């Protein structure tokens, strides 16, 4: 038996095999949501009062990740650039890592699950760790106690910011090329640069969050045109 025939035996058509499984998963998820909606009431608040603004004013939970990103990035980055890169990266996964065997796509799956976990961490922080004036409250702290105003954020000097960014990008692009040669050989130069570029941008988000929370650093890199 040829290799082509052996490979075709391991493949099935999308219709009906995959579509049936997706339909079953959709119905199961709908039943779970229906049961939860019967058992748990929606967290509705009192009628809106135009003379009383809630503090803090929080978006619905599914937008709290974006709202939390506004603490660490300028609005055009948090609300436009990062969501755009997420959509671009998800759409590009099948073309950047087209392995047919699931075991060969561990890298793509790991990156995807890591990004998904980060998004739910942001939602958790926005939901349970942000109180009045968007100050940090641990889940067990009383949010009726107003904390003092946070100190002003600071930016790294260009003498530190530029070298740090260049070392991060340069090291991130070169290190996998030297350590995992088969990874580079399998992807090729164009796909490798695209994959590593998107991956480094994704990793930069939790790094920037850590700098903001631990050292109150608002900007790592400042320029006349944009700040990061």
Protein backbone atom coordinates (compact mmCIF):
# COMPACT_ATOMS: atom_id res chain seq x y z
CA UNK A 1 0.00 0.00 0.00
CA UNK A 2 1.37 3.39 -0.97
CA UNK A 3 1.96 6.18 1.51
CA UNK A 4 -0.78 8.23 -0.13
CA UNK A 5 -3.37 5.44 0.27
CA UNK A 6 -2.31 4.84 3.86
CA UNK A 7 -2.71 8.54 4.65
CA UNK A 8 -6.14 8.71 2.99
CA UNK A 9 -7.39 5.89 5.23
CA UNK A 10 -6.81 8.10 8.27
CA UNK A 11 -8.87 11.00 6.87
CA UNK A 12 -12.63 11.53 6.87
CA UNK A 13 -14.85 14.02 5.10
CA UNK A 14 -16.00 17.15 6.93
CA UNK A 15 -19.57 16.26 5.97
CA UNK A 16 -21.11 14.43 7.70
CA UNK A 17 -18.53 13.32 10.27
CA UNK A 18 -17.27 16.68 11.61
CA UNK A 19 -20.56 18.55 11.13
CA UNK A 20 -22.46 15.96 13.17
CA UNK A 21 -19.97 16.24 16.02
CA UNK A 22 -20.13 20.03 15.94
CA UNK A 23 -23.95 19.88 15.99
CA UNK A 24 -23.88 17.57 19.03
CA UNK A 25 -21.44 19.89 20.80
CA UNK A 26 -23.67 22.89 20.00
CA UNK A 27 -26.77 21.16 21.37
CA UNK A 28 -24.93 20.04 24.52
CA UNK A 29 -23.62 23.56 25.16
CA UNK A 30 -27.12 24.99 24.61
CA UNK A 31 -28.60 22.57 27.16
CA UNK A 32 -25.93 23.48 29.72
CA UNK A 33 -26.55 27.21 29.23
CA UNK A 34 -30.31 26.67 29.47
CA UNK A 35 -29.95 24.79 32.77
CA UNK A 36 -27.58 27.43 34.19
CA UNK A 37 -29.98 30.22 33.19
CA UNK A 38 -32.76 28.46 35.12
CA UNK A 39 -30.68 27.91 38.25
CA UNK A 40 -28.72 31.19 38.40
CA UNK A 41 -30.32 34.61 38.18
CA UNK A 42 -28.76 37.27 36.00
CA UNK A 43 -26.81 39.82 38.11
CA UNK A 44 -29.14 42.72 37.34
CA UNK A 45 -28.78 45.95 39.30
CA UNK A 46 -31.31 48.65 40.11
CA UNK A 47 -32.65 51.02 37.48
CA UNK A 48 -30.14 53.49 36.10
CA UNK A 49 -29.93 56.78 37.98
CA UNK A 50 -28.71 59.72 35.89
CA UNK A 51 -27.63 61.59 39.03
CA UNK A 52 -25.52 58.74 40.40
CA UNK A 53 -22.65 57.30 38.43
CA UNK A 54 -21.50 53.88 39.62
CA UNK A 55 -17.92 53.63 40.84
CA UNK A 56 -16.41 51.72 39.18
CA UNK A 57 -18.38 51.61 35.94
CA UNK A 58 -17.70 48.15 34.58
CA UNK A 59 -18.45 46.75 31.15
CA UNK A 60 -20.22 43.38 30.76
CA UNK A 61 -17.96 40.52 31.78
CA UNK A 62 -17.14 39.56 28.19
CA UNK A 63 -15.71 43.07 27.61
CA UNK A 64 -13.91 43.35 30.95
CA UNK A 65 -10.73 41.95 29.42
CA UNK A 66 -10.59 44.91 27.04
CA UNK A 67 -11.43 47.33 29.84
CA UNK A 68 -8.65 45.89 32.00
CA UNK A 69 -6.17 46.26 29.13
CA UNK A 70 -6.81 50.02 29.20
CA UNK A 71 -4.89 50.10 32.49
CA UNK A 72 -1.73 48.93 30.78
CA UNK A 73 -1.97 50.30 27.22
CA UNK A 74 -3.19 53.35 25.36
CA UNK A 75 -6.77 53.03 24.02
CA UNK A 76 -5.74 52.47 20.39
CA UNK A 77 -3.53 49.56 21.44
CA UNK A 78 -5.93 48.00 23.98
CA UNK A 79 -9.08 48.47 21.91
CA UNK A 80 -7.85 48.16 18.31
CA UNK A 81 -4.33 46.76 17.90
CA UNK A 82 -4.48 43.85 20.37
CA UNK A 83 -7.96 42.57 19.32
CA UNK A 84 -6.93 42.95 15.68
CA UNK A 85 -3.77 40.91 16.24
CA UNK A 86 -5.79 38.25 18.08
CA UNK A 87 -8.14 37.86 15.12
CA UNK A 88 -5.24 37.89 12.66
CA UNK A 89 -3.31 35.29 14.65
CA UNK A 90 -6.29 32.95 15.00
CA UNK A 91 -7.06 33.20 11.29
CA UNK A 92 -3.43 32.54 10.39
CA UNK A 93 -2.94 29.41 12.54
CA UNK A 94 -4.06 26.91 9.83
CA UNK A 95 -1.65 28.50 7.34
CA UNK A 96 1.27 28.93 9.72
CA UNK A 97 1.09 25.42 11.21
CA UNK A 98 -0.74 23.21 8.69
CA UNK A 99 0.24 19.86 10.22
CA UNK A 100 -2.48 17.29 9.62
CA UNK A 101 -1.47 15.18 12.59
CA UNK A 102 -2.71 16.73 15.83
CA UNK A 103 0.45 15.74 17.65
CA UNK A 104 2.43 17.97 15.30
CA UNK A 105 0.34 20.98 16.24
CA UNK A 106 1.26 21.07 19.90
CA UNK A 107 2.92 24.45 19.47
CA UNK A 108 -0.16 26.04 17.91
CA UNK A 109 -2.46 24.48 20.52
CA UNK A 110 -0.20 25.57 23.39
CA UNK A 111 -0.08 29.16 22.14
CA UNK A 112 -3.83 29.24 21.64
CA UNK A 113 -4.60 27.85 25.11
CA UNK A 114 -2.08 30.23 26.68
CA UNK A 115 -3.71 33.23 25.03
CA UNK A 116 -7.17 32.01 26.03
CA UNK A 117 -6.06 31.58 29.63
CA UNK A 118 -4.59 35.10 29.65
CA UNK A 119 -7.90 36.52 28.43
CA UNK A 120 -9.84 34.81 31.22
CA UNK A 121 -7.27 36.05 33.76
CA UNK A 122 -7.95 39.62 32.57
CA UNK A 123 -11.69 39.03 32.93
CA UNK A 124 -11.18 37.65 36.44
CA UNK A 125 -9.08 40.69 37.42
CA UNK A 126 -11.64 43.12 36.03
CA UNK A 127 -14.49 41.32 37.76
CA UNK A 128 -13.10 40.55 41.21
CA UNK A 129 -9.94 42.64 41.67
CA UNK A 130 -11.05 46.11 40.56
CA UNK A 131 -12.96 48.33 42.93
CA UNK A 132 -13.74 52.06 43.28
CA UNK A 133 -11.57 54.29 41.08
CA UNK A 134 -10.41 51.05 39.39
CA UNK A 135 -8.04 50.45 42.29
CA UNK A 136 -6.71 46.98 42.99
CA UNK A 137 -8.69 45.00 45.57
CA UNK A 138 -8.06 41.40 46.44
CA UNK A 139 -11.27 39.33 46.25
CA UNK A 140 -11.47 39.13 50.06
CA UNK A 141 -11.06 42.89 50.61
CA UNK A 142 -14.00 45.18 51.37
CA UNK A 143 -14.61 47.37 48.33
CA UNK A 144 -16.68 49.84 50.34
CA UNK A 145 -13.40 51.05 51.85
CA UNK A 146 -12.00 53.57 49.38
CA UNK A 147 -8.30 53.17 48.82
CA UNK A 148 -6.03 56.20 48.35
CA UNK A 149 -5.37 57.46 44.85
CA UNK A 150 -2.75 55.44 43.04
CA UNK A 151 0.63 57.13 42.46
CA UNK A 152 1.37 58.52 39.03
CA UNK A 153 2.72 56.03 36.57
CA UNK A 154 6.15 56.43 35.09
CA UNK A 155 7.84 55.68 31.78
CA UNK A 156 11.21 54.12 31.19
CA UNK A 157 13.81 56.46 29.76
CA UNK A 158 14.66 55.98 26.06
CA UNK A 159 18.15 54.86 27.09
CA UNK A 160 16.54 51.86 28.81
CA UNK A 161 13.38 51.38 26.77
CA UNK A 162 14.91 51.16 23.29
CA UNK A 163 17.64 48.62 24.21
CA UNK A 164 15.11 46.56 26.18
CA UNK A 165 12.70 46.37 23.23
CA UNK A 166 15.47 45.58 20.72
CA UNK A 167 16.97 42.88 22.94
CA UNK A 168 13.54 41.34 23.52
CA UNK A 169 12.65 41.25 19.82
CA UNK A 170 16.10 40.27 18.61
CA UNK A 171 16.57 37.56 21.22
CA UNK A 172 13.06 36.25 20.66
CA UNK A 173 13.65 35.90 16.93
CA UNK A 174 17.15 34.42 17.11
CA UNK A 175 16.94 32.07 20.10
CA UNK A 176 14.39 29.60 18.64
CA UNK A 177 16.25 29.71 15.33
CA UNK A 178 19.42 28.52 17.05
CA UNK A 179 17.87 26.12 19.57
CA UNK A 180 15.10 24.42 17.55
CA UNK A 181 16.55 24.16 14.07
CA UNK A 182 13.91 21.70 12.91
CA UNK A 183 11.20 24.20 13.86
CA UNK A 184 12.77 26.82 11.61
CA UNK A 185 13.37 24.34 8.81
CA UNK A 186 9.76 23.14 8.88
CA UNK A 187 8.27 26.63 8.75
CA UNK A 188 10.67 28.45 6.46
CA UNK A 189 11.81 32.04 6.83
CA UNK A 190 8.50 33.80 6.06
CA UNK A 191 6.26 31.67 8.27
CA UNK A 192 8.90 31.58 11.00
CA UNK A 193 9.13 35.40 11.16
CA UNK A 194 5.33 35.67 11.14
CA UNK A 195 4.87 33.07 13.89
CA UNK A 196 7.58 34.48 16.12
CA UNK A 197 6.43 38.06 15.55
CA UNK A 198 2.88 37.24 16.64
CA UNK A 199 4.15 35.12 19.55
CA UNK A 200 6.49 37.84 20.83
CA UNK A 201 3.69 40.41 20.66
CA UNK A 202 1.42 38.07 22.64
CA UNK A 203 4.06 37.40 25.30
CA UNK A 204 4.69 41.16 25.56
CA UNK A 205 1.16 41.67 26.90
CA UNK A 206 1.61 39.77 30.21
CA UNK A 207 5.13 41.21 30.53
CA UNK A 208 3.73 44.72 30.24
CA UNK A 209 1.01 43.87 32.77
CA UNK A 210 3.65 42.61 35.22
CA UNK A 211 5.67 45.81 34.83
CA UNK A 212 2.59 47.91 35.49
CA UNK A 213 1.46 45.99 38.56
CA UNK A 214 4.88 45.40 40.10
CA UNK A 215 6.76 48.60 39.22
CA UNK A 216 4.00 51.03 38.13
CA UNK A 217 5.60 51.39 34.68
CA UNK A 218 3.09 52.75 32.19
CA UNK A 219 5.32 52.99 29.11
CA UNK A 220 8.35 50.92 28.17
CA UNK A 221 8.96 52.85 24.96
CA UNK A 222 8.03 56.47 24.32
CA UNK A 223 8.26 58.19 20.93
CA UNK A 224 6.84 61.43 19.47
CA UNK A 225 4.27 59.34 17.57
CA UNK A 226 3.18 56.58 19.93
CA UNK A 227 3.85 55.14 23.37
CA UNK A 228 4.00 51.46 24.28
